Every structure is written in structure tokens, then in C-alpha cells.
Protein backbone atom coordinates (compact mmCIF):
# COMPACT_ATOMS: atom_id res chain seq x y z
CA UNK A 1 65.91 -2.13 97.35
CA UNK A 2 62.14 -3.04 97.36
CA UNK A 3 61.27 0.70 96.82
CA UNK A 4 63.66 0.82 93.92
CA UNK A 5 62.31 -2.30 92.29
CA UNK A 6 58.73 -0.99 92.72
CA UNK A 7 59.66 2.21 91.07
CA UNK A 8 61.41 0.28 87.99
CA UNK A 9 58.31 -1.87 87.66
CA UNK A 10 55.93 1.10 87.84
CA UNK A 11 58.14 2.77 85.14
CA UNK A 12 58.06 -0.20 82.90
CA UNK A 13 54.37 -0.52 83.40
CA UNK A 14 53.79 3.03 82.34
CA UNK A 15 56.09 2.66 79.38
CA UNK A 16 54.20 -0.53 78.21
CA UNK A 17 50.88 1.27 78.60
CA UNK A 18 52.11 4.26 76.45
CA UNK A 19 53.31 1.83 73.80
CA UNK A 20 49.92 0.15 73.35
CA UNK A 21 48.58 1.36 70.11
CA UNK A 22 45.98 0.89 67.53
CA UNK A 23 46.66 1.09 63.75
CA UNK A 24 43.71 2.33 61.70
CA UNK A 25 43.72 1.70 57.94
CA UNK A 26 41.39 2.77 55.28
CA UNK A 27 41.23 0.29 52.43
CA UNK A 28 40.36 0.62 48.71
CA UNK A 29 41.27 4.13 48.47
CA UNK A 30 40.17 4.96 44.87
CA UNK A 31 38.20 7.58 43.08
CA UNK A 32 35.43 5.10 42.66
CA UNK A 33 34.79 5.61 46.46
CA UNK A 34 35.62 9.19 46.82
CA UNK A 35 32.37 10.29 48.62
CA UNK A 36 32.47 7.26 51.10
CA UNK A 37 36.18 8.08 51.79
CA UNK A 38 35.59 11.69 52.62
CA UNK A 39 32.77 10.66 54.91
CA UNK A 40 35.09 8.15 56.76
CA UNK A 41 37.94 10.74 57.04
CA UNK A 42 35.60 13.08 58.52
CA UNK A 43 34.35 10.59 61.03
CA UNK A 44 37.91 9.72 62.01
CA UNK A 45 38.67 13.46 62.62
CA UNK A 46 35.57 13.69 64.64
CA UNK A 47 36.42 10.80 66.72
CA UNK A 48 39.85 12.04 67.49
CA UNK A 49 42.07 9.90 65.16
CA UNK A 50 42.98 12.97 63.30
CA UNK A 51 45.57 12.27 60.60
CA UNK A 52 47.00 9.14 62.38
CA UNK A 53 45.69 6.54 59.96
CA UNK A 54 46.82 4.72 56.76
CA UNK A 55 45.45 5.09 53.49
CA UNK A 56 45.69 1.97 51.18
CA UNK A 57 45.68 3.34 47.70
CA UNK A 58 44.76 1.42 44.57
CA UNK A 59 46.42 2.70 41.37
CA UNK A 60 43.82 1.64 38.90
CA UNK A 61 40.76 0.16 40.66
CA UNK A 62 39.36 -2.68 38.61
CA UNK A 63 41.27 -1.22 35.60
CA UNK A 64 38.51 1.44 35.34
CA UNK A 65 39.62 4.16 37.75
CA UNK A 66 43.38 5.08 36.99
CA UNK A 67 44.52 7.65 39.39
CA UNK A 68 46.23 10.01 36.78
CA UNK A 69 42.72 10.58 35.25
CA UNK A 70 41.25 11.90 38.46
CA UNK A 71 43.11 15.08 39.53
CA UNK A 72 40.66 16.33 42.06
CA UNK A 73 41.02 12.90 43.91
CA UNK A 74 44.80 12.97 43.70
CA UNK A 75 44.83 16.53 45.01
CA UNK A 76 42.83 15.38 47.99
CA UNK A 77 45.20 12.40 48.54
CA UNK A 78 48.08 14.83 48.60
CA UNK A 79 46.22 17.01 51.14
CA UNK A 80 45.70 13.88 53.39
CA UNK A 81 49.37 12.88 52.94
CA UNK A 82 50.38 16.45 53.90
CA UNK A 83 48.30 16.26 57.08
CA UNK A 84 50.13 13.13 58.11
CA UNK A 85 48.20 10.31 56.69
CA UNK A 86 50.34 7.35 55.87
CA UNK A 87 50.10 6.15 52.17
CA UNK A 88 50.57 2.39 51.34
CA UNK A 89 50.15 0.68 48.04
CA UNK A 90 47.20 -1.67 47.82
CA UNK A 91 47.55 -3.98 44.85
CA UNK A 92 47.42 -2.45 41.49
CA UNK A 93 43.86 -3.13 40.13
CA UNK A 94 42.45 -4.88 43.18
CA UNK A 95 40.88 -7.44 40.84
CA UNK A 96 41.69 -11.10 40.72
CA UNK A 97 42.39 -12.06 37.07
CA UNK A 98 43.99 -15.39 37.61
CA UNK A 99 42.68 -18.93 37.52
CA UNK A 100 43.75 -20.79 40.61
CA UNK A 101 44.56 -24.42 40.13
CA UNK A 102 45.26 -25.12 43.77
CA UNK A 103 42.04 -26.02 45.60
CA UNK A 104 43.09 -24.10 48.79
CA UNK A 105 43.76 -21.00 46.70
CA UNK A 106 40.38 -21.35 45.01
CA UNK A 107 38.65 -21.76 48.34
CA UNK A 108 40.43 -18.68 49.74
CA UNK A 109 39.69 -16.59 46.66
CA UNK A 110 36.07 -17.43 46.83
CA UNK A 111 35.41 -17.24 50.40
CA UNK A 112 37.56 -14.32 51.65
CA UNK A 113 36.83 -11.97 48.86
CA UNK A 114 34.55 -11.20 45.97
CA UNK A 115 36.90 -11.71 43.10
CA UNK A 116 39.46 -9.14 44.54
CA UNK A 117 42.41 -11.32 45.69
CA UNK A 118 44.69 -9.75 43.07
CA UNK A 119 48.17 -11.02 44.48
CA UNK A 120 47.13 -14.51 45.38
CA UNK A 121 47.78 -16.14 42.05
CA UNK A 122 50.45 -14.01 40.28
CA UNK A 123 53.78 -15.37 39.42
CA UNK A 124 56.90 -13.47 40.54
CA UNK A 125 57.43 -11.60 37.48
CA UNK A 126 53.98 -10.24 37.13
CA UNK A 127 53.77 -9.50 40.88
CA UNK A 128 57.02 -7.54 40.57
CA UNK A 129 55.76 -5.63 37.58
CA UNK A 130 52.60 -4.48 39.40
CA UNK A 131 54.40 -3.60 42.49
CA UNK A 132 57.10 -1.52 40.64
CA UNK A 133 54.37 0.19 38.32
CA UNK A 134 52.05 0.99 41.19
CA UNK A 135 54.73 2.36 43.50
CA UNK A 136 56.15 4.59 40.71
CA UNK A 137 52.71 5.94 39.92
CA UNK A 138 52.00 6.74 43.61
CA UNK A 139 55.37 8.36 44.10
CA UNK A 140 55.09 10.49 40.98
CA UNK A 141 51.58 11.66 41.77
CA UNK A 142 52.17 12.24 45.52
CA UNK A 143 55.76 13.27 45.55
CA UNK A 144 56.83 10.97 48.36
CA UNK A 145 58.24 7.56 48.88
CA UNK A 146 55.96 4.54 49.04
CA UNK A 147 57.53 1.64 51.12
CA UNK A 148 54.45 -0.16 52.45
CA UNK A 149 52.22 -2.66 50.77
CA UNK A 150 49.04 -4.50 51.61
CA UNK A 151 47.59 -7.12 49.21
CA UNK A 152 43.78 -6.78 48.46
CA UNK A 153 41.93 -9.03 50.95
CA UNK A 154 45.37 -9.68 52.56
CA UNK A 155 45.87 -12.61 50.16
CA UNK A 156 49.48 -13.40 49.00
CA UNK A 157 50.79 -16.14 47.03
CA UNK A 158 54.29 -17.23 47.71
CA UNK A 159 55.68 -15.64 44.50
CA UNK A 160 54.08 -12.36 45.62
CA UNK A 161 55.87 -12.51 48.94
CA UNK A 162 59.19 -12.99 47.31
CA UNK A 163 58.49 -10.08 44.88
CA UNK A 164 57.75 -7.86 47.82
CA UNK A 165 61.17 -8.69 49.36
CA UNK A 166 62.96 -8.43 46.06
CA UNK A 167 61.40 -4.91 45.51
CA UNK A 168 62.52 -3.78 48.93
CA UNK A 169 59.30 -2.84 50.53
CA UNK A 170 59.83 -2.02 54.13
CA UNK A 171 56.39 -2.94 55.46
CA UNK A 172 53.58 -5.47 54.45
CA UNK A 173 50.44 -6.49 56.23
CA UNK A 174 48.47 -9.87 56.32
CA UNK A 175 45.43 -10.82 58.29
CA UNK A 176 47.62 -12.25 61.07
CA UNK A 177 50.70 -10.08 61.16
CA UNK A 178 52.58 -7.07 59.99
CA UNK A 179 56.23 -7.89 58.61
CA UNK A 180 59.07 -6.28 56.76
CA UNK A 181 59.76 -8.02 53.43
CA UNK A 182 63.08 -6.18 53.10
CA UNK A 183 64.28 -6.96 56.68
CA UNK A 184 62.76 -10.39 56.79
CA UNK A 185 61.23 -9.94 60.36
CA UNK A 186 57.85 -9.83 61.93
CA UNK A 187 56.76 -6.41 63.19
CA UNK A 188 53.55 -7.06 64.87
CA UNK A 189 51.25 -10.16 65.51
CA UNK A 190 47.70 -10.71 65.96
CA UNK A 191 44.53 -10.73 63.77
CA UNK A 192 43.12 -7.70 62.14
CA UNK A 193 39.69 -6.37 63.13
CA UNK A 194 37.72 -6.00 59.97
CA UNK A 195 34.18 -6.05 58.81
CA UNK A 196 31.96 -7.42 55.99
CA UNK A 197 28.44 -6.54 55.03
CA UNK A 198 28.00 -8.49 51.80
CA UNK A 199 25.31 -10.85 53.40
CA UNK A 200 23.35 -10.54 56.60
CA UNK A 201 25.41 -13.56 57.91
CA UNK A 202 28.65 -11.78 57.28
CA UNK A 203 27.36 -8.56 58.78
CA UNK A 204 26.16 -10.21 61.99
CA UNK A 205 29.43 -12.21 62.23
CA UNK A 206 31.41 -8.96 61.89
CA UNK A 207 29.55 -7.34 64.62
CA UNK A 208 30.05 -10.34 66.90
CA UNK A 209 33.83 -10.39 66.09
CA UNK A 210 34.27 -6.67 66.74
CA UNK A 211 32.55 -7.09 70.22
CA UNK A 212 34.73 -10.06 71.12
CA UNK A 213 37.99 -8.61 69.64
CA UNK A 214 38.39 -6.01 72.21
CA UNK A 215 38.83 -8.31 75.29
CA UNK A 216 40.28 -11.26 73.27
CA UNK A 217 43.10 -9.00 71.85
CA UNK A 218 43.56 -6.87 74.86
CA UNK A 219 47.10 -8.49 75.41
CA UNK A 220 48.39 -7.50 72.01
CA UNK A 221 50.57 -4.46 71.97
CA UNK A 222 49.49 -3.55 68.47
CA UNK A 223 45.78 -3.82 67.60
CA UNK A 224 44.74 -3.23 63.86
CA UNK A 225 41.52 -1.97 62.66
CA UNK A 226 40.68 -2.07 58.89
CA UNK A 227 37.90 0.05 57.48
CA UNK A 228 36.51 -0.44 53.93
CA UNK A 229 34.51 2.07 52.13
CA UNK A 230 31.42 -0.01 51.88
CA UNK A 231 31.34 -0.49 55.65
CA UNK A 232 29.81 2.86 55.94
CA UNK A 233 26.84 1.71 53.77
CA UNK A 234 25.59 -0.19 56.78
CA UNK A 235 24.47 1.89 59.72
CA UNK A 236 25.15 -1.04 62.26
CA UNK A 237 28.55 -1.38 61.02
CA UNK A 238 29.24 2.45 61.10
CA UNK A 239 28.06 2.63 64.60
CA UNK A 240 30.23 -0.48 65.75
CA UNK A 241 33.40 1.00 64.12
CA UNK A 242 32.86 4.23 65.97
CA UNK A 243 32.20 2.39 69.25
CA UNK A 244 35.20 0.11 68.80
CA UNK A 245 37.59 3.03 68.10
CA UNK A 246 36.35 5.16 70.97
CA UNK A 247 36.77 2.28 73.30
CA UNK A 248 40.23 1.36 72.16
CA UNK A 249 41.42 4.96 72.20
CA UNK A 250 40.73 4.99 76.00
CA UNK A 251 43.75 2.86 76.43
CA UNK A 252 45.62 2.94 73.21
CA UNK A 253 47.24 5.65 71.00
CA UNK A 254 46.80 5.73 67.26
CA UNK A 255 50.06 4.98 65.62
CA UNK A 256 51.51 4.49 62.19
CA UNK A 257 52.86 1.39 60.46
CA UNK A 258 56.33 2.77 60.12
CA UNK A 259 56.52 3.13 63.89
CA UNK A 260 56.81 -0.60 64.02
CA UNK A 261 60.17 -0.58 62.24
CA UNK A 262 61.79 0.91 65.33
CA UNK A 263 59.68 -0.79 68.00
CA UNK A 264 59.61 -4.31 66.97
CA UNK A 265 56.91 -7.10 67.39
């Protein structure tokens, strides 16, 4: 009996170890950052991530970079998707064009992002319009379904969350969790590991958080790493992202957001 119990425990432990994963996402995928994005994708390939990462695509970045006007970039996106990269919708313009009356929303819009919390202050009708228009554009350009969404800066207003559910998106991500708007359930819990280099203080804080995150989040079955194009403008951040990824890939496998729909939180 003891031997059988020990074998079952060992089997469960091995299965749990195999299920530990890291989700790598590349934010702000737009022609405006084409050179940086190619550099990051090449780095992910060299590290061993391969095509097991998500690309968060902005249909018309800051209303100046509409995807249909940049065919070479769209062709590159199609190539990445064909290799297995996961494509998610990332806002529509990635620009916050709303006045926030609520003090808490104003604070979040100012502190957590540089005027890019697009979906924080939208009403339901406008949020749904941007979701539908953006998803249709990506599906037409990339010839594939788009069922995942991440708001710029992970900032959502209550109306935006309701619009996501009404639009039937399977996957959405916030700073503290991944959930399914359509199914109404949480898919993964835990803070995302991300970086900021706008000021020296933010850069140093990012480096500290990255070093602490590994041991602090070791118990999380799913760990999330977000990379922004401007991260690679800073040599310390670039090196830290590579170090963090290599370290985590020693004990975790790179996964995809859609895997969470069948594995649960």
C-alpha cells in the first residue's frame, strides 16, 4: 500500500512539474516598432522560446499606424502566426482619449501608463465598437480567428469588461489574472512580470521586481512575462529579461494562453 501511494504521489508531482509554465507576451505589436519587434523575436528564438509566445497587436497605433497601410509588417505578422505565435488584440489605438472623472481612474491613468490606458474610460458601446472593429481587421489581415484581448496597460473600466463578455472573447488578461470573459471564470492568478524604463526610478524598480519575482512567484503554476518594445532600448532591462527567461525555462515550459482554457486556474 505504501509503495503504491508513493508511486501515485511521485506521478502527481511529475505531472505538476510538467504543468508549470511561463507565458511570454510581446506587447505593442505595431509597425511603429517593427525594428525593435524583430530584434525581440530573434532574441526569443535564440533563448529557446521559439514560436511559443503571444503577440499583442494594435490595429491602429495612436491613430497613426493602421495595419492595412503597412503590408510588409502584416506579411511578417502572418509569418509569425504561421510559425505558431499566438495573436491577441491589444486595444485599438492604444491611446487614452477620454477624460476620467473618477479620481481613482485619473490616478491609474497617470501613474500606470503614459496616456495609453485606452479601455479604462470607454463606455460600453464605444468599447464594443473598438473590440469588433479591431478583431475584424486582424481576422481579415491574418486569415485566422482572434479570441484573446489584452487592454493597453492592463487597464479596464467596468463597461469594457462587460463589452468583452458580450463580444464573446475567450481570453483576457489583467495585471493580476487571466480570465475568460465568455465563460466567466478565472484561468490563471498571479501578478505579471513587466518592466518600465521611462525614468531611472522605474527602471531600477523593474530590475528589483524581476529579481524578486522568481522566488516570490515560484508557487504559481502559471507565470507571466510581458515584454514591451522599448524594454530593449535599455541594456540592463534587455539583459535582465534574458536572465529571467533562461532561469524560468529551467523549471517551466513556455505555454500559450489558449492552453489555459482546458487546464484551468
